Each structure stands twice: as C-alpha cells, then as structure tokens.
Amino acid sequence: MQEIKNWDDVDAALKQLASLEVKRNEVEGELNEKLNALKEEAKKQVAPILEQIKHLTKLVELFAASKKDEFAKKRTKELTFGKVGFRLVTSVSVPRDKAKVEALLKSLKAYGLSDCITFVEKPDKEKLKELDDTTLVKLGLEKKVKDSFRVEPYLEKVKE
C-alpha cells in the first residue's frame, strides 16, 4: 500500500498492520521459547560449576580462618592467582513489615534520632496536572496538552 485516499484504505492498512503485528508476535514468541529453553539448559550446566565454586570458596575460607592470626596487620593476602582476606562488615537489619517499620520510625523520632530517617520527596505529577495555569507559571512549570495519535489494529480479526 503506497497511499491512503479514503476510510476503506485506512481499514485495509489496519488489517495489514494487524497481520504484521501477529507475525511479529509469533516470531518473538518462538524466540522467547528458544531463549527460555537455552536458559534452562545453561542453568543445568552451570549448577555443578556453582556447587564447585561454593565448595572451594568454603574450603579456602576455612583454611584462612585457621590462619586468621596472619591477617592481624594486613587484612588481605596476595597470592599468584588471586587474593583472600577479611574485612569488617557492619549491617543492620530493618524490618520489612509495614507496621514494624512504622513502630521503628516512631521510636527513632521519640529518641531524637530523626537523622536516622531518610525522606524521599518528589513532585506528584498527577497533583500538578490539577493545578491552574497561574500556579504552574509561578512554579516555573507549564502544562502541555497534546492530541496523541494511536493505531490499534484488531489482531484477533486477522486470525479469523
């Protein structure tokens, strides 16, 4: 189709678009199936390798722990094929449960530890859309309204 002159041409173009979308979806579907199969195969091949890595790492860690006195001054030991070492890691587990988090926040505030609370502030675009133009101008913002074109071919009609 080179040119659209009337609504019948638009309808024919929509039919063609739907057909092309169906073909694209089929190709992508086949690709995803192949990718998933490859990922599963790779997972099977990698599993024993990961087990070996985990086992060897544990053996090295146990040996290094038995020689921990050698790490008193220098925390890392350089070897020919790599390095091993210890480092101090500090972590604090914070609850995920909403009620527990709220209780923790309340406690932090009560103990005057507000600096241990982070605040994420960002403009609410949905609320900003509701503001009048004068207020938006005062804020250095502008509202853009555009008539966005879309094409939605009926894919199921092509399959019939």
C-alpha atoms as a PDB file:
ATOM      1  CA  MET A   1       0.000   0.000   0.000  1.00  0.00           C
ATOM      2  CA  GLN A   2       1.529   3.275  -1.116  1.00  0.00           C
ATOM      3  CA  GLU A   3      -1.184   5.806  -0.433  1.00  0.00           C
ATOM      4  CA  ILE A   4      -4.316   6.168   1.677  1.00  0.00           C
ATOM      5  CA  LYS A   5      -7.140   8.021  -0.004  1.00  0.00           C
ATOM      6  CA  ASN A   6     -10.234   7.012   1.980  1.00  0.00           C
ATOM      7  CA  TRP A   7     -11.504   5.166   5.060  1.00  0.00           C
ATOM      8  CA  ASP A   8     -11.545   1.855   3.221  1.00  0.00           C
ATOM      9  CA  ASP A   9      -7.807   2.315   2.612  1.00  0.00           C
ATOM     10  CA  VAL A  10      -7.341   3.086   6.336  1.00  0.00           C
ATOM     11  CA  ASP A  11      -9.253  -0.085   7.218  1.00  0.00           C
ATOM     12  CA  ALA A  12      -7.115  -2.092   4.769  1.00  0.00           C
ATOM     13  CA  ALA A  13      -3.986  -0.584   6.339  1.00  0.00           C
ATOM     14  CA  LEU A  14      -5.255  -1.552   9.806  1.00  0.00           C
ATOM     15  CA  LYS A  15      -5.811  -5.108   8.579  1.00  0.00           C
ATOM     16  CA  GLN A  16      -2.269  -5.191   7.205  1.00  0.00           C
ATOM     17  CA  LEU A  17      -0.889  -3.732  10.460  1.00  0.00           C
ATOM     18  CA  ALA A  18      -2.756  -6.384  12.456  1.00  0.00           C
ATOM     19  CA  SER A  19      -1.343  -9.106  10.242  1.00  0.00           C
ATOM     20  CA  LEU A  20       2.188  -7.751  10.643  1.00  0.00           C
ATOM     21  CA  GLU A  21       1.755  -7.493  14.422  1.00  0.00           C
ATOM     22  CA  VAL A  22       0.568 -11.112  14.565  1.00  0.00           C
ATOM     23  CA  LYS A  23       3.608 -12.240  12.558  1.00  0.00           C
ATOM     24  CA  ARG A  24       5.935 -10.220  14.787  1.00  0.00           C
ATOM     25  CA  ASN A  25       4.322 -11.689  17.922  1.00  0.00           C
ATOM     26  CA  GLU A  26       4.739 -15.211  16.528  1.00  0.00           C
ATOM     27  CA  VAL A  27       8.432 -14.632  15.782  1.00  0.00           C
ATOM     28  CA  GLU A  28       9.016 -13.073  19.212  1.00  0.00           C
ATOM     29  CA  GLY A  29       7.090 -15.914  20.853  1.00  0.00           C
ATOM     30  CA  GLU A  30       9.266 -18.524  19.151  1.00  0.00           C
ATOM     31  CA  LEU A  31      12.364 -16.559  20.121  1.00  0.00           C
ATOM     32  CA  ASN A  32      11.256 -16.399  23.762  1.00  0.00           C
ATOM     33  CA  GLU A  33      10.580 -20.145  23.809  1.00  0.00           C
ATOM     34  CA  LYS A  34      14.065 -20.813  22.418  1.00  0.00           C
ATOM     35  CA  LEU A  35      15.640 -18.378  24.887  1.00  0.00           C
ATOM     36  CA  ASN A  36      13.824 -19.999  27.809  1.00  0.00           C
ATOM     37  CA  ALA A  37      14.992 -23.435  26.682  1.00  0.00           C
ATOM     38  CA  LEU A  38      18.579 -22.155  26.367  1.00  0.00           C
ATOM     39  CA  LYS A  39      18.392 -20.556  29.820  1.00  0.00           C
ATOM     40  CA  GLU A  40      17.160 -23.822  31.335  1.00  0.00           C
ATOM     41  CA  GLU A  41      19.940 -25.771  29.635  1.00  0.00           C
ATOM     42  CA  ALA A  42      22.538 -23.254  30.795  1.00  0.00           C
ATOM     43  CA  LYS A  43      21.146 -23.417  34.341  1.00  0.00           C
ATOM     44  CA  LYS A  44      21.584 -27.206  34.321  1.00  0.00           C
ATOM     45  CA  GLN A  45      25.146 -26.914  33.014  1.00  0.00           C
ATOM     46  CA  VAL A  46      26.091 -24.165  35.471  1.00  0.00           C
ATOM     47  CA  ALA A  47      24.616 -25.814  38.591  1.00  0.00           C
ATOM     48  CA  PRO A  48      27.513 -28.243  39.206  1.00  0.00           C
ATOM     49  CA  ILE A  49      30.030 -25.474  38.468  1.00  0.00           C
ATOM     50  CA  LEU A  50      28.349 -23.222  41.045  1.00  0.00           C
ATOM     51  CA  GLU A  51      28.480 -26.068  43.556  1.00  0.00           C
ATOM     52  CA  GLN A  52      32.235 -26.462  42.953  1.00  0.00           C
ATOM     53  CA  ILE A  53      32.749 -22.706  43.350  1.00  0.00           C
ATOM     54  CA  LYS A  54      30.784 -22.721  46.593  1.00  0.00           C
ATOM     55  CA  HIS A  55      32.700 -25.762  47.907  1.00  0.00           C
ATOM     56  CA  LEU A  56      36.153 -24.397  47.015  1.00  0.00           C
ATOM     57  CA  THR A  57      35.313 -20.981  48.444  1.00  0.00           C
ATOM     58  CA  LYS A  58      34.245 -22.616  51.709  1.00  0.00           C
ATOM     59  CA  LEU A  59      37.478 -24.655  51.849  1.00  0.00           C
ATOM     60  CA  VAL A  60      39.577 -21.529  51.286  1.00  0.00           C
ATOM     61  CA  GLU A  61      37.564 -19.639  53.904  1.00  0.00           C
ATOM     62  CA  LEU A  62      38.047 -22.422  56.476  1.00  0.00           C
ATOM     63  CA  PHE A  63      41.790 -22.520  55.807  1.00  0.00           C
ATOM     64  CA  ALA A  64      42.112 -18.731  56.015  1.00  0.00           C
ATOM     65  CA  ALA A  65      40.109 -18.720  59.249  1.00  0.00           C
ATOM     66  CA  SER A  66      42.560 -21.238  60.713  1.00  0.00           C
ATOM     67  CA  LYS A  67      45.386 -18.785  59.862  1.00  0.00           C
ATOM     68  CA  LYS A  68      43.499 -15.664  60.975  1.00  0.00           C
ATOM     69  CA  ASP A  69      46.439 -14.533  63.103  1.00  0.00           C
ATOM     70  CA  GLU A  70      48.336 -13.884  59.829  1.00  0.00           C
ATOM     71  CA  PHE A  71      45.659 -11.310  58.919  1.00  0.00           C
ATOM     72  CA  ALA A  72      46.123  -9.240  62.094  1.00  0.00           C
ATOM     73  CA  LYS A  73      48.186  -6.477  60.454  1.00  0.00           C
ATOM     74  CA  LYS A  74      47.444  -6.933  56.763  1.00  0.00           C
ATOM     75  CA  ARG A  75      43.805  -7.897  56.121  1.00  0.00           C
ATOM     76  CA  THR A  76      44.465  -9.239  52.590  1.00  0.00           C
ATOM     77  CA  LYS A  77      46.908 -11.877  51.415  1.00  0.00           C
ATOM     78  CA  GLU A  78      48.017 -11.618  47.771  1.00  0.00           C
ATOM     79  CA  LEU A  79      48.764 -14.916  46.041  1.00  0.00           C
ATOM     80  CA  THR A  80      49.707 -15.807  42.465  1.00  0.00           C
ATOM     81  CA  PHE A  81      46.153 -16.474  41.266  1.00  0.00           C
ATOM     82  CA  GLY A  82      44.214 -14.068  43.445  1.00  0.00           C
ATOM     83  CA  LYS A  83      43.834 -12.716  46.924  1.00  0.00           C
ATOM     84  CA  VAL A  84      41.989 -13.646  50.092  1.00  0.00           C
ATOM     85  CA  GLY A  85      41.208 -11.539  53.083  1.00  0.00           C
ATOM     86  CA  PHE A  86      38.920 -10.430  55.828  1.00  0.00           C
ATOM     87  CA  ARG A  87      37.082  -7.152  56.090  1.00  0.00           C
ATOM     88  CA  LEU A  88      34.813  -5.794  58.731  1.00  0.00           C
ATOM     89  CA  VAL A  89      31.242  -5.535  57.511  1.00  0.00           C
ATOM     90  CA  THR A  90      28.577  -3.782  59.516  1.00  0.00           C
ATOM     91  CA  SER A  91      24.929  -4.262  58.741  1.00  0.00           C
ATOM     92  CA  VAL A  92      21.653  -3.539  60.451  1.00  0.00           C
ATOM     93  CA  SER A  93      18.559  -5.490  59.520  1.00  0.00           C
ATOM     94  CA  VAL A  94      15.483  -3.301  59.233  1.00  0.00           C
ATOM     95  CA  PRO A  95      12.054  -4.962  59.314  1.00  0.00           C
ATOM     96  CA  ARG A  96      10.037  -5.072  56.096  1.00  0.00           C
ATOM     97  CA  ASP A  97       6.643  -5.384  57.723  1.00  0.00           C
ATOM     98  CA  LYS A  98       4.862  -2.041  57.371  1.00  0.00           C
ATOM     99  CA  ALA A  99       3.607  -1.998  60.979  1.00  0.00           C
ATOM    100  CA  LYS A 100       7.065  -2.796  62.344  1.00  0.00           C
ATOM    101  CA  VAL A 101       8.648  -0.109  60.157  1.00  0.00           C
ATOM    102  CA  GLU A 102       6.137   2.454  61.400  1.00  0.00           C
ATOM    103  CA  ALA A 103       6.853   1.433  65.009  1.00  0.00           C
ATOM    104  CA  LEU A 104      10.591   1.767  64.352  1.00  0.00           C
ATOM    105  CA  LEU A 105      10.110   5.235  62.817  1.00  0.00           C
ATOM    106  CA  LYS A 106       8.046   6.285  65.827  1.00  0.00           C
ATOM    107  CA  SER A 107      10.766   5.032  68.186  1.00  0.00           C
ATOM    108  CA  LEU A 108      13.511   6.804  66.237  1.00  0.00           C
ATOM    109  CA  LYS A 109      11.589  10.069  66.491  1.00  0.00           C
ATOM    110  CA  ALA A 110      10.876   9.521  70.202  1.00  0.00           C
ATOM    111  CA  TYR A 111      14.584   9.016  70.912  1.00  0.00           C
ATOM    112  CA  GLY A 112      15.512  12.094  68.879  1.00  0.00           C
ATOM    113  CA  LEU A 113      17.174  10.028  66.151  1.00  0.00           C
ATOM    114  CA  SER A 114      15.444  11.722  63.198  1.00  0.00           C
ATOM    115  CA  ASP A 115      18.782  11.849  61.374  1.00  0.00           C
ATOM    116  CA  CYS A 116      18.431   8.046  61.025  1.00  0.00           C
ATOM    117  CA  ILE A 117      15.331   8.572  58.869  1.00  0.00           C
ATOM    118  CA  THR A 118      15.528   9.339  55.175  1.00  0.00           C
ATOM    119  CA  PHE A 119      12.838  11.266  53.377  1.00  0.00           C
ATOM    120  CA  VAL A 120      12.200  10.759  49.685  1.00  0.00           C
ATOM    121  CA  GLU A 121      10.472  13.820  48.313  1.00  0.00           C
ATOM    122  CA  LYS A 122       9.464  14.212  44.706  1.00  0.00           C
ATOM    123  CA  PRO A 123       6.809  16.167  42.853  1.00  0.00           C
ATOM    124  CA  ASP A 124       3.465  14.415  42.354  1.00  0.00           C
ATOM    125  CA  LYS A 125       2.796  14.806  38.637  1.00  0.00           C
ATOM    126  CA  GLU A 126      -0.851  13.791  38.961  1.00  0.00           C
ATOM    127  CA  LYS A 127      -1.489  16.527  41.543  1.00  0.00           C
ATOM    128  CA  LEU A 128       0.498  19.040  39.465  1.00  0.00           C
ATOM    129  CA  LYS A 129      -1.802  18.368  36.472  1.00  0.00           C
ATOM    130  CA  GLU A 130      -4.723  19.589  38.602  1.00  0.00           C
ATOM    131  CA  LEU A 131      -3.149  22.991  39.361  1.00  0.00           C
ATOM    132  CA  ASP A 132      -4.331  26.066  37.471  1.00  0.00           C
ATOM    133  CA  ASP A 133      -2.048  27.688  34.869  1.00  0.00           C
ATOM    134  CA  THR A 134      -1.233  30.704  37.079  1.00  0.00           C
ATOM    135  CA  THR A 135       0.080  28.496  39.875  1.00  0.00           C
ATOM    136  CA  LEU A 136       2.055  26.398  37.381  1.00  0.00           C
ATOM    137  CA  VAL A 137       3.691  29.554  35.960  1.00  0.00           C
ATOM    138  CA  LYS A 138       4.629  30.668  39.478  1.00  0.00           C
ATOM    139  CA  LEU A 139       6.323  27.310  39.939  1.00  0.00           C
ATOM    140  CA  GLY A 140       8.150  27.625  36.623  1.00  0.00           C
ATOM    141  CA  LEU A 141       6.148  24.774  35.102  1.00  0.00           C
ATOM    142  CA  GLU A 142       3.975  24.523  32.060  1.00  0.00           C
ATOM    143  CA  LYS A 143       1.143  22.194  31.214  1.00  0.00           C
ATOM    144  CA  LYS A 144       1.242  20.548  27.805  1.00  0.00           C
ATOM    145  CA  VAL A 145      -1.869  19.049  26.308  1.00  0.00           C
ATOM    146  CA  LYS A 146      -1.454  17.155  23.088  1.00  0.00           C
ATOM    147  CA  ASP A 147      -3.668  15.060  20.924  1.00  0.00           C
ATOM    148  CA  SER A 148      -1.669  11.866  20.709  1.00  0.00           C
ATOM    149  CA  PHE A 149      -2.404   9.669  17.691  1.00  0.00           C
ATOM    150  CA  ARG A 150      -2.629   5.920  18.047  1.00  0.00           C
ATOM    151  CA  VAL A 151      -3.214   2.962  15.795  1.00  0.00           C
ATOM    152  CA  GLU A 152      -4.745  -0.175  17.296  1.00  0.00           C
ATOM    153  CA  PRO A 153      -5.241  -2.950  14.802  1.00  0.00           C
ATOM    154  CA  TYR A 154      -7.562  -5.796  15.889  1.00  0.00           C
ATOM    155  CA  LEU A 155      -5.142  -8.711  15.913  1.00  0.00           C
ATOM    156  CA  GLU A 156      -7.851 -11.256  16.629  1.00  0.00           C
ATOM    157  CA  LYS A 157      -9.715 -10.318  13.422  1.00  0.00           C
ATOM    158  CA  VAL A 158      -6.687 -11.251  11.317  1.00  0.00           C
ATOM    159  CA  LYS A 159      -6.529 -14.724  12.852  1.00  0.00           C
ATOM    160  CA  GLU A 160     -10.136 -15.453  11.813  1.00  0.00           C
END
